Protein backbone atom coordinates (compact mmCIF):
# COMPACT_ATOMS: atom_id res chain seq x y z
CA UNK A 1 79.98 -87.69 -61.53
CA UNK A 2 81.45 -85.19 -59.08
CA UNK A 3 80.43 -81.56 -59.16
CA UNK A 4 83.17 -79.03 -59.75
CA UNK A 5 83.85 -76.57 -56.98
CA UNK A 6 82.65 -73.31 -58.53
CA UNK A 7 83.01 -71.15 -55.42
CA UNK A 8 85.28 -68.16 -56.02
CA UNK A 9 88.63 -68.24 -54.26
CA UNK A 10 88.63 -65.89 -51.29
CA UNK A 11 91.54 -63.46 -51.03
CA UNK A 12 92.35 -61.73 -47.79
CA UNK A 13 92.17 -57.95 -48.39
CA UNK A 14 95.04 -57.52 -45.92
CA UNK A 15 97.29 -59.27 -48.48
CA UNK A 16 96.84 -56.47 -51.04
CA UNK A 17 99.99 -54.43 -51.78
CA UNK A 18 100.31 -51.06 -50.10
CA UNK A 19 99.34 -48.20 -52.43
CA UNK A 20 102.35 -45.97 -52.93
CA UNK A 21 102.41 -42.40 -54.25
CA UNK A 22 103.86 -43.74 -57.51
CA UNK A 23 100.95 -46.14 -57.97
CA UNK A 24 98.42 -43.41 -57.21
CA UNK A 25 100.15 -40.98 -59.62
CA UNK A 26 99.68 -43.51 -62.46
CA UNK A 27 96.13 -44.55 -61.55
CA UNK A 28 92.97 -43.55 -63.39
CA UNK A 29 90.80 -41.21 -61.37
CA UNK A 30 87.07 -41.62 -62.06
CA UNK A 31 83.75 -40.89 -60.43
CA UNK A 32 81.28 -43.45 -61.69
CA UNK A 33 81.63 -43.58 -65.49
CA UNK A 34 83.25 -40.13 -65.72
CA UNK A 35 87.04 -40.31 -66.05
CA UNK A 36 88.60 -37.25 -64.42
CA UNK A 37 92.17 -38.28 -65.22
CA UNK A 38 93.14 -41.24 -67.43
CA UNK A 39 95.78 -43.69 -66.29
CA UNK A 40 99.34 -43.13 -67.44
CA UNK A 41 102.41 -45.27 -67.26
CA UNK A 42 103.29 -48.88 -67.89
CA UNK A 43 99.79 -50.31 -67.73
CA UNK A 44 98.50 -48.00 -70.46
CA UNK A 45 101.12 -49.15 -72.99
CA UNK A 46 101.25 -52.96 -73.02
CA UNK A 47 104.02 -54.77 -74.85
CA UNK A 48 107.02 -53.48 -76.67
CA UNK A 49 106.89 -50.43 -78.96
CA UNK A 50 105.61 -51.02 -82.49
CA UNK A 51 108.09 -50.80 -85.36
CA UNK A 52 107.34 -48.22 -88.04
CA UNK A 53 107.75 -50.90 -90.73
CA UNK A 54 106.18 -53.81 -88.83
CA UNK A 55 105.07 -56.79 -90.90
CA UNK A 56 101.36 -57.20 -91.60
CA UNK A 57 99.48 -60.42 -90.97
CA UNK A 58 97.79 -61.69 -94.14
CA UNK A 59 96.05 -64.82 -95.33
CA UNK A 60 98.01 -66.17 -98.29
CA UNK A 61 97.25 -69.26 -100.34
CA UNK A 62 100.37 -71.12 -101.49
CA UNK A 63 100.82 -74.28 -103.54
CA UNK A 64 101.30 -77.32 -101.30
CA UNK A 65 104.74 -78.06 -102.75
CA UNK A 66 105.92 -74.46 -102.17
CA UNK A 67 104.66 -74.51 -98.59
CA UNK A 68 106.23 -77.92 -97.97
CA UNK A 69 109.57 -76.74 -99.37
CA UNK A 70 109.78 -73.75 -97.02
CA UNK A 71 108.47 -75.59 -93.95
CA UNK A 72 111.12 -78.30 -94.42
CA UNK A 73 113.80 -75.61 -94.06
CA UNK A 74 112.91 -75.36 -90.36
CA UNK A 75 112.24 -72.43 -88.03
CA UNK A 76 112.23 -69.10 -89.82
CA UNK A 77 110.51 -70.45 -92.94
CA UNK A 78 108.07 -67.52 -93.03
CA UNK A 79 110.98 -65.07 -92.95
CA UNK A 80 112.61 -66.95 -95.82
CA UNK A 81 109.38 -66.68 -97.85
CA UNK A 82 109.42 -62.92 -97.16
CA UNK A 83 113.05 -62.70 -98.33
CA UNK A 84 112.30 -64.71 -101.49
CA UNK A 85 109.36 -62.44 -102.32
CA UNK A 86 111.50 -59.32 -101.68
CA UNK A 87 114.14 -60.63 -104.12
CA UNK A 88 111.47 -61.42 -106.75
CA UNK A 89 110.03 -57.91 -106.36
CA UNK A 90 113.57 -56.42 -106.47
CA UNK A 91 113.10 -54.81 -103.04
CA UNK A 92 116.02 -54.32 -100.67
CA UNK A 93 116.52 -57.17 -98.19
CA UNK A 94 116.13 -56.23 -94.55
CA UNK A 95 118.94 -56.91 -92.11
CA UNK A 96 118.28 -60.07 -90.12
CA UNK A 97 118.12 -59.94 -86.35
CA UNK A 98 120.38 -62.28 -84.41
CA UNK A 99 118.90 -65.75 -84.58
CA UNK A 100 117.85 -67.62 -81.48
CA UNK A 101 119.17 -71.17 -81.22
CA UNK A 102 116.74 -73.77 -82.51
CA UNK A 103 114.94 -75.92 -79.95
CA UNK A 104 116.92 -79.00 -80.96
CA UNK A 105 120.28 -77.34 -80.22
CA UNK A 106 119.34 -75.91 -76.82
């Protein structure tokens, strides 16, 4: 059996990008463990902004036949369960975002 090469890949420090004033303005300034100025900018806020009414992830137990019924309806089945529950609870339905084409029709 061959041994895996576990040596770290060497990177030439001359290949590092040049530090611009913009990069330095956004960088965290610290001496040891003491942060003098926290970072600000794109790296401090990953991802898109959170919606005020974002859905919550829950663990929900459903009957096998109910789950099978919705899964057979294809992509978006979880959204359709949400819509069905909203109707049953007499809550207003949310406007649907534009649908992406299914994988089979791409």
